[in-house]
Amino acid sequence: MIAIVARRLRTLTTDGAIAAVIMGAIVFGFGGRSMAALLLVFFVSSSLLTRLHGARKSHPEHRRGRSAGQVLANGAVAAAMAIWHGINPSPIVLGAFAGAVAASTADTWATEIGLLSSALPRLITTWKTVPPNSSGAVTLLGTIGGIVGATLIALTAFYWMRTPILTVLVAGAIAMLVDSVLGATIEGRVQFMGNNGVNFAATVVGAVLGAMFA
């Protein structure tokens, strides 16, 4: 389902669609319908936002779609938590899963909505204006959008998995900010810390925060 929606919206490359299918199968197989549904909310909402005013966005993903590496960077931690839950279910693992998904959603929503901002983004570490698509750049519109995305996941996770709303919301929002800080400070400067590495690290932060206060 995830791959079908994304491919119809042309937001995934072929290898990205394959990765999404495998990840969705893992999450559904180990975590069940609730976890799979939450992951689906992330993928569908992110795909729709990617297509929203796509002609106004200059990010390469809007021309070629997200690759398998990008799919894994955003979803590998959630898939690992689903496997863990299948082996040893607990509220802590549910919180970690929801926190990881909230982190990916917040970061993606912030990027997609921020690209529509009329104001130049600012580097989160220095607050100087930088060109759009700069690593570590933030906008007020994008930040609000990211918080709204995290809120959507928090509310949905509470409905389906009874995870604490505030915990998942805060986990997603903080992870989004950590993503920006890492993007401004170490992305492209440290080995294995390109955009995918930074996104993966942010989902780890979201999972840890979600588990700590589950």
N, C-alpha and C. Protein backbone atom coordinates (compact mmCIF):
# COMPACT_ATOMS: atom_id res chain seq x y z
N MET A 1 0.83 -1.21 0.00
CA MET A 1 0.00 0.00 0.00
C MET A 1 0.87 1.26 0.00
N ILE A 2 1.90 1.27 0.85
CA ILE A 2 2.79 2.42 0.93
C ILE A 2 3.43 2.70 -0.42
N ALA A 3 3.98 1.65 -1.02
CA ALA A 3 4.68 1.83 -2.29
C ALA A 3 3.72 2.23 -3.40
N ILE A 4 2.51 1.68 -3.40
CA ILE A 4 1.53 1.99 -4.44
C ILE A 4 1.18 3.48 -4.41
N VAL A 5 0.90 3.97 -3.20
CA VAL A 5 0.56 5.39 -3.07
C VAL A 5 1.72 6.27 -3.49
N ALA A 6 2.91 5.95 -3.01
CA ALA A 6 4.07 6.77 -3.31
C ALA A 6 4.41 6.74 -4.79
N ARG A 7 4.33 5.58 -5.41
CA ARG A 7 4.64 5.50 -6.83
C ARG A 7 3.62 6.26 -7.67
N ARG A 8 2.35 6.20 -7.27
CA ARG A 8 1.32 6.96 -8.00
C ARG A 8 1.59 8.45 -7.90
N LEU A 9 2.09 8.88 -6.76
CA LEU A 9 2.41 10.30 -6.57
C LEU A 9 3.81 10.63 -7.07
N ARG A 10 4.54 9.60 -7.56
CA ARG A 10 5.88 9.77 -8.10
C ARG A 10 6.84 10.38 -7.08
N THR A 11 6.77 9.89 -5.85
CA THR A 11 7.66 10.41 -4.81
C THR A 11 8.73 9.41 -4.41
N LEU A 12 8.73 8.20 -5.01
CA LEU A 12 9.76 7.21 -4.74
C LEU A 12 10.37 6.74 -6.04
N THR A 13 11.69 6.49 -6.00
CA THR A 13 12.33 5.83 -7.12
C THR A 13 11.95 4.35 -7.07
N THR A 14 12.36 3.58 -8.08
CA THR A 14 12.04 2.16 -8.09
C THR A 14 12.64 1.44 -6.89
N ASP A 15 13.91 1.70 -6.61
CA ASP A 15 14.52 1.05 -5.45
C ASP A 15 13.92 1.57 -4.15
N GLY A 16 13.49 2.83 -4.15
CA GLY A 16 12.82 3.37 -2.97
C GLY A 16 11.50 2.68 -2.71
N ALA A 17 10.76 2.37 -3.78
CA ALA A 17 9.48 1.68 -3.64
C ALA A 17 9.70 0.26 -3.12
N ILE A 18 10.75 -0.41 -3.61
CA ILE A 18 11.06 -1.76 -3.14
C ILE A 18 11.40 -1.74 -1.65
N ALA A 19 12.21 -0.76 -1.25
CA ALA A 19 12.57 -0.63 0.17
C ALA A 19 11.34 -0.36 1.02
N ALA A 20 10.43 0.44 0.50
CA ALA A 20 9.20 0.75 1.24
C ALA A 20 8.33 -0.49 1.41
N VAL A 21 8.26 -1.31 0.37
CA VAL A 21 7.48 -2.55 0.46
C VAL A 21 8.06 -3.48 1.53
N ILE A 22 9.38 -3.65 1.48
CA ILE A 22 10.04 -4.53 2.45
C ILE A 22 9.85 -4.01 3.87
N MET A 23 10.03 -2.71 4.04
CA MET A 23 9.88 -2.12 5.36
C MET A 23 8.45 -2.24 5.87
N GLY A 24 7.50 -1.97 4.99
CA GLY A 24 6.10 -2.09 5.38
C GLY A 24 5.74 -3.51 5.78
N ALA A 25 6.28 -4.49 5.04
CA ALA A 25 6.02 -5.90 5.36
C ALA A 25 6.60 -6.27 6.71
N ILE A 26 7.80 -5.77 7.00
CA ILE A 26 8.43 -6.05 8.29
C ILE A 26 7.61 -5.47 9.44
N VAL A 27 7.22 -4.21 9.27
CA VAL A 27 6.46 -3.54 10.33
C VAL A 27 5.12 -4.22 10.54
N PHE A 28 4.44 -4.57 9.46
CA PHE A 28 3.14 -5.24 9.59
C PHE A 28 3.31 -6.64 10.17
N GLY A 29 4.33 -7.36 9.70
CA GLY A 29 4.52 -8.72 10.16
C GLY A 29 4.87 -8.83 11.63
N PHE A 30 5.72 -7.92 12.12
CA PHE A 30 6.14 -7.98 13.51
C PHE A 30 5.32 -7.08 14.43
N GLY A 31 4.89 -5.95 13.91
CA GLY A 31 4.22 -4.97 14.76
C GLY A 31 2.71 -4.96 14.65
N GLY A 32 2.18 -5.57 13.60
CA GLY A 32 0.73 -5.61 13.45
C GLY A 32 0.15 -4.39 12.76
N ARG A 33 -1.16 -4.36 12.72
CA ARG A 33 -1.86 -3.32 11.96
C ARG A 33 -1.65 -1.91 12.50
N SER A 34 -1.58 -1.77 13.81
CA SER A 34 -1.46 -0.42 14.39
C SER A 34 -0.14 0.24 14.00
N MET A 35 0.95 -0.51 14.12
CA MET A 35 2.25 0.04 13.74
C MET A 35 2.33 0.30 12.25
N ALA A 36 1.81 -0.64 11.45
CA ALA A 36 1.83 -0.47 10.01
C ALA A 36 1.00 0.74 9.60
N ALA A 37 -0.14 0.94 10.26
CA ALA A 37 -1.00 2.07 9.93
C ALA A 37 -0.32 3.40 10.27
N LEU A 38 0.40 3.44 11.38
CA LEU A 38 1.10 4.67 11.75
C LEU A 38 2.19 4.99 10.74
N LEU A 39 2.92 3.97 10.31
CA LEU A 39 3.94 4.18 9.29
C LEU A 39 3.31 4.64 7.98
N LEU A 40 2.13 4.11 7.68
CA LEU A 40 1.42 4.51 6.46
C LEU A 40 1.02 5.98 6.52
N VAL A 41 0.62 6.45 7.69
CA VAL A 41 0.28 7.87 7.86
C VAL A 41 1.48 8.74 7.52
N PHE A 42 2.66 8.33 7.98
CA PHE A 42 3.87 9.08 7.66
C PHE A 42 4.12 9.10 6.16
N PHE A 43 4.12 7.94 5.52
CA PHE A 43 4.47 7.86 4.10
C PHE A 43 3.45 8.60 3.23
N VAL A 44 2.17 8.40 3.51
CA VAL A 44 1.15 9.04 2.67
C VAL A 44 1.16 10.55 2.85
N SER A 45 1.20 11.02 4.10
CA SER A 45 1.20 12.47 4.34
C SER A 45 2.45 13.12 3.76
N SER A 46 3.58 12.46 3.89
CA SER A 46 4.83 13.01 3.36
C SER A 46 4.80 13.04 1.83
N SER A 47 4.25 12.00 1.22
CA SER A 47 4.15 11.95 -0.24
C SER A 47 3.25 13.06 -0.76
N LEU A 48 2.14 13.27 -0.07
CA LEU A 48 1.21 14.33 -0.49
C LEU A 48 1.87 15.70 -0.36
N LEU A 49 2.60 15.92 0.72
CA LEU A 49 3.27 17.21 0.90
C LEU A 49 4.39 17.40 -0.12
N THR A 50 5.04 16.32 -0.50
CA THR A 50 6.09 16.42 -1.51
C THR A 50 5.50 16.92 -2.83
N ARG A 51 4.30 16.46 -3.17
CA ARG A 51 3.67 16.85 -4.41
C ARG A 51 3.02 18.23 -4.32
N LEU A 52 2.76 18.72 -3.10
CA LEU A 52 2.10 20.01 -2.93
C LEU A 52 2.98 21.13 -3.48
N HIS A 53 2.46 21.84 -4.50
CA HIS A 53 3.22 22.93 -5.14
C HIS A 53 4.63 22.48 -5.52
N GLY A 54 4.73 21.27 -6.05
CA GLY A 54 6.03 20.70 -6.38
C GLY A 54 6.84 21.56 -7.33
N ALA A 55 6.18 22.29 -8.21
CA ALA A 55 6.89 23.13 -9.18
C ALA A 55 7.65 24.26 -8.50
N ARG A 56 7.24 24.63 -7.30
CA ARG A 56 7.89 25.72 -6.57
C ARG A 56 9.09 25.25 -5.75
N LYS A 57 9.29 23.94 -5.68
CA LYS A 57 10.33 23.39 -4.84
C LYS A 57 11.52 22.96 -5.70
N SER A 58 12.71 23.32 -5.27
CA SER A 58 13.90 23.03 -6.06
C SER A 58 14.67 21.83 -5.55
N HIS A 59 14.16 21.15 -4.53
CA HIS A 59 14.87 20.01 -3.96
C HIS A 59 14.93 18.87 -4.97
N PRO A 60 16.08 18.19 -5.11
CA PRO A 60 16.21 17.10 -6.08
C PRO A 60 15.19 15.99 -5.92
N GLU A 61 14.72 15.74 -4.67
CA GLU A 61 13.76 14.68 -4.43
C GLU A 61 12.47 14.90 -5.21
N HIS A 62 12.17 16.14 -5.53
CA HIS A 62 10.93 16.42 -6.23
C HIS A 62 11.04 16.16 -7.72
N ARG A 63 12.26 15.91 -8.18
CA ARG A 63 12.44 15.56 -9.58
C ARG A 63 12.61 14.06 -9.78
N ARG A 64 13.34 13.41 -8.87
CA ARG A 64 13.62 11.99 -9.08
C ARG A 64 12.94 11.07 -8.08
N GLY A 65 12.42 11.59 -6.98
CA GLY A 65 11.81 10.76 -5.96
C GLY A 65 12.83 10.33 -4.92
N ARG A 66 12.35 9.83 -3.79
CA ARG A 66 13.23 9.41 -2.71
C ARG A 66 13.76 8.01 -2.98
N SER A 67 15.04 7.83 -2.72
CA SER A 67 15.72 6.57 -3.01
C SER A 67 15.56 5.59 -1.84
N ALA A 68 16.06 4.37 -2.05
CA ALA A 68 16.02 3.36 -0.99
C ALA A 68 16.78 3.83 0.24
N GLY A 69 17.92 4.49 0.01
CA GLY A 69 18.70 5.00 1.14
C GLY A 69 17.92 5.99 1.98
N GLN A 70 17.17 6.85 1.32
CA GLN A 70 16.37 7.83 2.05
C GLN A 70 15.21 7.17 2.79
N VAL A 71 14.61 6.16 2.16
CA VAL A 71 13.53 5.42 2.81
C VAL A 71 14.05 4.73 4.06
N LEU A 72 15.20 4.08 3.95
CA LEU A 72 15.77 3.37 5.09
C LEU A 72 16.21 4.35 6.19
N ALA A 73 16.75 5.48 5.79
CA ALA A 73 17.18 6.48 6.78
C ALA A 73 16.01 6.95 7.63
N ASN A 74 14.84 7.05 7.02
CA ASN A 74 13.66 7.53 7.74
C ASN A 74 12.89 6.42 8.44
N GLY A 75 13.04 5.18 7.97
CA GLY A 75 12.19 4.13 8.52
C GLY A 75 12.88 2.95 9.16
N ALA A 76 14.20 2.85 9.06
CA ALA A 76 14.90 1.68 9.60
C ALA A 76 14.74 1.54 11.11
N VAL A 77 14.83 2.64 11.82
CA VAL A 77 14.70 2.58 13.28
C VAL A 77 13.29 2.12 13.66
N ALA A 78 12.28 2.64 12.97
CA ALA A 78 10.90 2.22 13.25
C ALA A 78 10.73 0.74 12.96
N ALA A 79 11.32 0.26 11.86
CA ALA A 79 11.23 -1.16 11.52
C ALA A 79 11.91 -2.01 12.59
N ALA A 80 13.05 -1.55 13.09
CA ALA A 80 13.75 -2.28 14.15
C ALA A 80 12.91 -2.34 15.42
N MET A 81 12.22 -1.25 15.75
CA MET A 81 11.35 -1.24 16.92
C MET A 81 10.15 -2.18 16.74
N ALA A 82 9.66 -2.28 15.50
CA ALA A 82 8.55 -3.20 15.23
C ALA A 82 9.00 -4.64 15.44
N ILE A 83 10.21 -4.97 14.99
CA ILE A 83 10.75 -6.32 15.20
C ILE A 83 10.90 -6.59 16.69
N TRP A 84 11.44 -5.62 17.39
CA TRP A 84 11.62 -5.76 18.85
C TRP A 84 10.27 -5.98 19.53
N HIS A 85 9.27 -5.23 19.10
CA HIS A 85 7.94 -5.36 19.70
C HIS A 85 7.36 -6.75 19.42
N GLY A 86 7.62 -7.27 18.22
CA GLY A 86 7.13 -8.60 17.90
C GLY A 86 7.75 -9.68 18.76
N ILE A 87 9.01 -9.46 19.17
CA ILE A 87 9.71 -10.43 20.01
C ILE A 87 9.39 -10.23 21.48
N ASN A 88 9.38 -8.98 21.91
CA ASN A 88 9.16 -8.68 23.33
C ASN A 88 8.33 -7.40 23.44
N PRO A 89 7.01 -7.50 23.29
CA PRO A 89 6.16 -6.30 23.30
C PRO A 89 6.16 -5.59 24.65
N SER A 90 6.18 -4.26 24.58
CA SER A 90 6.13 -3.45 25.81
C SER A 90 5.76 -2.02 25.44
N PRO A 91 5.21 -1.25 26.40
CA PRO A 91 4.90 0.16 26.14
C PRO A 91 6.14 0.97 25.76
N ILE A 92 7.31 0.58 26.29
CA ILE A 92 8.54 1.31 25.98
C ILE A 92 8.87 1.19 24.49
N VAL A 93 8.72 -0.01 23.95
CA VAL A 93 9.01 -0.21 22.53
C VAL A 93 7.99 0.53 21.67
N LEU A 94 6.73 0.52 22.09
CA LEU A 94 5.71 1.28 21.36
C LEU A 94 6.05 2.77 21.35
N GLY A 95 6.50 3.27 22.49
CA GLY A 95 6.89 4.68 22.57
C GLY A 95 8.07 4.99 21.67
N ALA A 96 9.03 4.07 21.62
CA ALA A 96 10.19 4.26 20.74
C ALA A 96 9.77 4.25 19.28
N PHE A 97 8.89 3.35 18.91
CA PHE A 97 8.41 3.29 17.53
C PHE A 97 7.70 4.58 17.16
N ALA A 98 6.77 5.02 18.01
CA ALA A 98 6.03 6.24 17.72
C ALA A 98 6.95 7.45 17.68
N GLY A 99 7.95 7.49 18.57
CA GLY A 99 8.90 8.60 18.58
C GLY A 99 9.72 8.66 17.31
N ALA A 100 10.13 7.49 16.80
CA ALA A 100 10.90 7.45 15.56
C ALA A 100 10.07 7.92 14.38
N VAL A 101 8.82 7.48 14.31
CA VAL A 101 7.95 7.90 13.21
C VAL A 101 7.64 9.39 13.32
N ALA A 102 7.44 9.87 14.55
CA ALA A 102 7.18 11.31 14.73
C ALA A 102 8.38 12.14 14.29
N ALA A 103 9.59 11.64 14.54
CA ALA A 103 10.81 12.34 14.13
C ALA A 103 10.88 12.44 12.61
N SER A 104 10.65 11.32 11.93
CA SER A 104 10.69 11.34 10.46
C SER A 104 9.62 12.25 9.89
N THR A 105 8.44 12.19 10.48
CA THR A 105 7.33 13.02 9.99
C THR A 105 7.61 14.50 10.20
N ALA A 106 8.06 14.85 11.40
CA ALA A 106 8.34 16.26 11.70
C ALA A 106 9.40 16.81 10.76
N ASP A 107 10.47 16.05 10.55
CA ASP A 107 11.55 16.52 9.68
C ASP A 107 11.08 16.67 8.24
N THR A 108 10.32 15.68 7.75
CA THR A 108 9.85 15.73 6.36
C THR A 108 8.85 16.86 6.16
N TRP A 109 7.90 17.00 7.08
CA TRP A 109 6.93 18.08 6.98
C TRP A 109 7.62 19.44 7.04
N ALA A 110 8.60 19.56 7.94
CA ALA A 110 9.32 20.84 8.06
C ALA A 110 10.01 21.20 6.76
N THR A 111 10.62 20.20 6.12
CA THR A 111 11.30 20.44 4.86
C THR A 111 10.32 20.83 3.76
N GLU A 112 9.28 20.03 3.59
CA GLU A 112 8.34 20.25 2.49
C GLU A 112 7.58 21.57 2.64
N ILE A 113 7.15 21.87 3.84
CA ILE A 113 6.40 23.11 4.07
C ILE A 113 7.35 24.31 4.08
N GLY A 114 8.54 24.12 4.63
CA GLY A 114 9.52 25.20 4.69
C GLY A 114 9.95 25.67 3.31
N LEU A 115 9.97 24.74 2.34
CA LEU A 115 10.36 25.11 0.98
C LEU A 115 9.35 26.08 0.34
N LEU A 116 8.17 26.17 0.92
CA LEU A 116 7.14 27.08 0.40
C LEU A 116 7.18 28.45 1.08
N SER A 117 8.09 28.61 2.04
CA SER A 117 8.17 29.87 2.77
C SER A 117 8.68 30.99 1.88
N SER A 118 8.09 32.16 2.03
CA SER A 118 8.54 33.32 1.26
C SER A 118 9.79 33.95 1.89
N ALA A 119 10.06 33.62 3.14
CA ALA A 119 11.23 34.16 3.83
C ALA A 119 12.43 33.25 3.62
N LEU A 120 13.62 33.84 3.52
CA LEU A 120 14.83 33.04 3.41
C LEU A 120 15.05 32.24 4.69
N PRO A 121 15.50 30.99 4.56
CA PRO A 121 15.77 30.20 5.77
C PRO A 121 17.00 30.73 6.50
N ARG A 122 17.10 30.35 7.76
CA ARG A 122 18.24 30.75 8.57
C ARG A 122 18.94 29.52 9.11
N LEU A 123 20.27 29.59 9.18
CA LEU A 123 21.04 28.49 9.73
C LEU A 123 20.77 28.42 11.23
N ILE A 124 20.41 27.24 11.71
CA ILE A 124 19.95 27.12 13.09
C ILE A 124 21.04 27.45 14.10
N THR A 125 22.30 27.29 13.74
CA THR A 125 23.40 27.52 14.68
C THR A 125 23.86 28.98 14.74
N THR A 126 23.69 29.73 13.67
CA THR A 126 24.17 31.12 13.64
C THR A 126 23.04 32.12 13.40
N TRP A 127 21.93 31.64 12.94
CA TRP A 127 20.76 32.45 12.60
C TRP A 127 21.00 33.39 11.42
N LYS A 128 22.04 33.12 10.64
CA LYS A 128 22.27 33.90 9.43
C LYS A 128 21.41 33.33 8.29
N THR A 129 20.97 34.21 7.41
CA THR A 129 20.18 33.75 6.27
C THR A 129 21.07 32.96 5.31
N VAL A 130 20.49 31.89 4.77
CA VAL A 130 21.21 31.01 3.84
C VAL A 130 20.26 30.66 2.70
N PRO A 131 20.78 30.15 1.57
CA PRO A 131 19.92 29.77 0.46
C PRO A 131 19.00 28.61 0.84
N PRO A 132 17.85 28.48 0.19
CA PRO A 132 16.97 27.33 0.41
C PRO A 132 17.72 26.03 0.15
N ASN A 133 17.32 24.98 0.85
CA ASN A 133 17.93 23.64 0.75
C ASN A 133 19.28 23.53 1.44
N SER A 134 19.73 24.58 2.13
CA SER A 134 20.99 24.49 2.86
C SER A 134 20.83 23.56 4.06
N SER A 135 21.83 22.74 4.31
CA SER A 135 21.79 21.83 5.45
C SER A 135 21.74 22.64 6.75
N GLY A 136 20.83 22.28 7.64
CA GLY A 136 20.70 22.97 8.91
C GLY A 136 19.90 24.24 8.86
N ALA A 137 19.29 24.53 7.71
CA ALA A 137 18.49 25.76 7.58
C ALA A 137 17.07 25.52 8.07
N VAL A 138 16.49 26.52 8.70
CA VAL A 138 15.13 26.41 9.21
C VAL A 138 14.34 27.67 8.83
N THR A 139 13.03 27.51 8.78
CA THR A 139 12.12 28.64 8.61
C THR A 139 11.02 28.53 9.66
N LEU A 140 10.38 29.63 9.97
CA LEU A 140 9.28 29.61 10.93
C LEU A 140 8.14 28.75 10.39
N LEU A 141 7.83 28.92 9.10
CA LEU A 141 6.75 28.14 8.50
C LEU A 141 7.06 26.65 8.55
N GLY A 142 8.29 26.29 8.20
CA GLY A 142 8.67 24.89 8.22
C GLY A 142 8.66 24.30 9.61
N THR A 143 9.13 25.05 10.59
CA THR A 143 9.15 24.57 11.97
C THR A 143 7.74 24.32 12.48
N ILE A 144 6.84 25.25 12.19
CA ILE A 144 5.44 25.05 12.58
C ILE A 144 4.88 23.82 11.89
N GLY A 145 5.20 23.67 10.60
CA GLY A 145 4.74 22.51 9.86
C GLY A 145 5.25 21.22 10.46
N GLY A 146 6.52 21.20 10.87
CA GLY A 146 7.07 20.01 11.49
C GLY A 146 6.38 19.66 12.80
N ILE A 147 6.06 20.67 13.59
CA ILE A 147 5.36 20.43 14.86
C ILE A 147 3.97 19.89 14.59
N VAL A 148 3.32 20.41 13.56
CA VAL A 148 1.99 19.90 13.19
C VAL A 148 2.09 18.42 12.77
N GLY A 149 3.13 18.09 12.00
CA GLY A 149 3.33 16.71 11.59
C GLY A 149 3.55 15.79 12.78
N ALA A 150 4.38 16.22 13.73
CA ALA A 150 4.61 15.43 14.94
C ALA A 150 3.32 15.28 15.74
N THR A 151 2.51 16.33 15.75
CA THR A 151 1.23 16.27 16.47
C THR A 151 0.30 15.24 15.83
N LEU A 152 0.27 15.21 14.51
CA LEU A 152 -0.55 14.22 13.81
C LEU A 152 -0.15 12.81 14.22
N ILE A 153 1.14 12.52 14.23
CA ILE A 153 1.61 11.20 14.62
C ILE A 153 1.30 10.92 16.09
N ALA A 154 1.49 11.92 16.95
CA ALA A 154 1.23 11.74 18.38
C ALA A 154 -0.24 11.38 18.62
N LEU A 155 -1.15 12.09 17.95
CA LEU A 155 -2.57 11.83 18.13
C LEU A 155 -2.96 10.47 17.55
N THR A 156 -2.41 10.16 16.39
CA THR A 156 -2.72 8.89 15.75
C THR A 156 -2.17 7.72 16.56
N ALA A 157 -0.95 7.88 17.07
CA ALA A 157 -0.35 6.82 17.88
C ALA A 157 -1.13 6.61 19.18
N PHE A 158 -1.61 7.68 19.77
CA PHE A 158 -2.43 7.55 20.97
C PHE A 158 -3.71 6.78 20.67
N TYR A 159 -4.33 7.08 19.55
CA TYR A 159 -5.59 6.42 19.19
C TYR A 159 -5.39 4.93 18.95
N TRP A 160 -4.31 4.58 18.24
CA TRP A 160 -4.10 3.19 17.87
C TRP A 160 -3.27 2.38 18.86
N MET A 161 -2.34 3.07 19.57
CA MET A 161 -1.42 2.33 20.43
C MET A 161 -1.39 2.82 21.87
N ARG A 162 -2.15 3.85 22.17
CA ARG A 162 -2.23 4.42 23.51
C ARG A 162 -0.88 4.91 24.04
N THR A 163 -0.03 5.40 23.14
CA THR A 163 1.21 6.03 23.57
C THR A 163 0.91 7.45 24.03
N PRO A 164 1.69 8.00 24.98
CA PRO A 164 1.42 9.34 25.50
C PRO A 164 1.55 10.40 24.40
N ILE A 165 0.54 11.23 24.27
CA ILE A 165 0.52 12.24 23.20
C ILE A 165 1.69 13.21 23.32
N LEU A 166 1.85 13.79 24.53
CA LEU A 166 2.88 14.81 24.71
C LEU A 166 4.28 14.23 24.49
N THR A 167 4.50 13.01 24.95
CA THR A 167 5.81 12.37 24.80
C THR A 167 6.18 12.23 23.33
N VAL A 168 5.27 11.72 22.53
CA VAL A 168 5.55 11.50 21.10
C VAL A 168 5.70 12.82 20.38
N LEU A 169 4.87 13.80 20.73
CA LEU A 169 4.95 15.12 20.12
C LEU A 169 6.31 15.76 20.40
N VAL A 170 6.72 15.77 21.66
CA VAL A 170 7.99 16.38 22.05
C VAL A 170 9.16 15.62 21.42
N ALA A 171 9.08 14.29 21.39
CA ALA A 171 10.14 13.48 20.78
C ALA A 171 10.33 13.86 19.32
N GLY A 172 9.22 13.99 18.60
CA GLY A 172 9.30 14.36 17.19
C GLY A 172 9.84 15.76 16.98
N ALA A 173 9.38 16.71 17.80
CA ALA A 173 9.82 18.09 17.65
C ALA A 173 11.30 18.27 17.99
N ILE A 174 11.74 17.64 19.08
CA ILE A 174 13.15 17.76 19.45
C ILE A 174 14.04 17.08 18.41
N ALA A 175 13.62 15.92 17.93
CA ALA A 175 14.40 15.22 16.91
C ALA A 175 14.52 16.06 15.64
N MET A 176 13.47 16.78 15.29
CA MET A 176 13.50 17.67 14.13
C MET A 176 14.56 18.75 14.31
N LEU A 177 14.65 19.32 15.50
CA LEU A 177 15.65 20.35 15.77
C LEU A 177 17.06 19.76 15.79
N VAL A 178 17.19 18.56 16.35
CA VAL A 178 18.49 17.88 16.35
C VAL A 178 18.94 17.64 14.92
N ASP A 179 18.02 17.23 14.06
CA ASP A 179 18.34 17.02 12.64
C ASP A 179 18.93 18.29 12.04
N SER A 180 18.33 19.44 12.34
CA SER A 180 18.82 20.71 11.80
C SER A 180 20.20 21.06 12.36
N VAL A 181 20.40 20.82 13.65
CA VAL A 181 21.70 21.12 14.27
C VAL A 181 22.79 20.23 13.66
N LEU A 182 22.49 18.95 13.51
CA LEU A 182 23.47 18.04 12.90
C LEU A 182 23.73 18.43 11.45
N GLY A 183 22.68 18.85 10.76
CA GLY A 183 22.86 19.28 9.38
C GLY A 183 23.75 20.49 9.27
N ALA A 184 23.67 21.38 10.25
CA ALA A 184 24.47 22.61 10.21
C ALA A 184 25.90 22.39 10.67
N THR A 185 26.14 21.34 11.46
CA THR A 185 27.45 21.20 12.09
C THR A 185 28.30 20.05 11.54
N ILE A 186 27.70 18.89 11.26
CA ILE A 186 28.53 17.75 10.88
C ILE A 186 28.15 17.13 9.53
N GLU A 187 26.99 17.49 8.98
CA GLU A 187 26.62 16.88 7.70
C GLU A 187 27.64 17.23 6.62
N GLY A 188 28.15 16.21 5.96
CA GLY A 188 29.14 16.42 4.91
C GLY A 188 30.55 16.64 5.43
N ARG A 189 30.71 16.75 6.74
CA ARG A 189 32.03 16.97 7.33
C ARG A 189 32.55 15.74 8.06
N VAL A 190 31.64 14.87 8.47
CA VAL A 190 31.99 13.65 9.19
C VAL A 190 31.61 12.46 8.34
N GLN A 191 32.46 11.44 8.33
CA GLN A 191 32.21 10.26 7.51
C GLN A 191 30.87 9.61 7.88
N PHE A 192 30.14 9.20 6.87
CA PHE A 192 28.83 8.56 6.99
C PHE A 192 27.74 9.51 7.48
N MET A 193 28.04 10.79 7.59
CA MET A 193 27.03 11.72 8.05
C MET A 193 26.62 12.67 6.94
N GLY A 194 26.10 12.09 5.87
CA GLY A 194 25.43 12.87 4.85
C GLY A 194 24.00 13.10 5.28
N ASN A 195 23.16 13.49 4.37
CA ASN A 195 21.76 13.76 4.71
C ASN A 195 21.08 12.52 5.27
N ASN A 196 21.33 11.36 4.67
CA ASN A 196 20.71 10.13 5.16
C ASN A 196 21.19 9.78 6.56
N GLY A 197 22.47 9.97 6.80
CA GLY A 197 23.00 9.71 8.13
C GLY A 197 22.40 10.61 9.19
N VAL A 198 22.23 11.87 8.85
CA VAL A 198 21.62 12.83 9.78
C VAL A 198 20.16 12.46 10.05
N ASN A 199 19.43 12.10 9.00
CA ASN A 199 18.03 11.70 9.18
C ASN A 199 17.92 10.47 10.06
N PHE A 200 18.82 9.50 9.84
CA PHE A 200 18.82 8.29 10.66
C PHE A 200 19.08 8.64 12.12
N ALA A 201 20.07 9.50 12.37
CA ALA A 201 20.40 9.91 13.73
C ALA A 201 19.21 10.59 14.41
N ALA A 202 18.48 11.39 13.65
CA ALA A 202 17.32 12.08 14.21
C ALA A 202 16.24 11.09 14.62
N THR A 203 16.04 10.04 13.82
CA THR A 203 15.03 9.04 14.20
C THR A 203 15.47 8.27 15.44
N VAL A 204 16.78 8.07 15.61
CA VAL A 204 17.28 7.43 16.83
C VAL A 204 16.95 8.30 18.04
N VAL A 205 17.17 9.62 17.89
CA VAL A 205 16.83 10.55 18.98
C VAL A 205 15.35 10.48 19.30
N GLY A 206 14.50 10.47 18.27
CA GLY A 206 13.07 10.38 18.49
C GLY A 206 12.68 9.10 19.20
N ALA A 207 13.31 7.99 18.81
CA ALA A 207 13.01 6.70 19.45
C ALA A 207 13.43 6.69 20.91
N VAL A 208 14.62 7.21 21.18
CA VAL A 208 15.12 7.23 22.57
C VAL A 208 14.21 8.08 23.45
N LEU A 209 13.84 9.26 22.96
CA LEU A 209 12.96 10.14 23.75
C LEU A 209 11.59 9.50 23.94
N GLY A 210 11.08 8.88 22.88
CA GLY A 210 9.78 8.23 22.98
C GLY A 210 9.79 7.09 23.98
N ALA A 211 10.91 6.37 24.06
CA ALA A 211 11.02 5.25 25.00
C ALA A 211 11.22 5.73 26.43
N MET A 212 11.99 6.80 26.60
CA MET A 212 12.32 7.29 27.95
C MET A 212 11.09 7.70 28.75
N PHE A 213 10.10 8.26 28.05
CA PHE A 213 8.94 8.80 28.77
C PHE A 213 7.64 8.09 28.38
N ALA A 214 7.77 6.86 27.90
CA ALA A 214 6.58 6.08 27.48
C ALA A 214 5.76 5.69 28.72
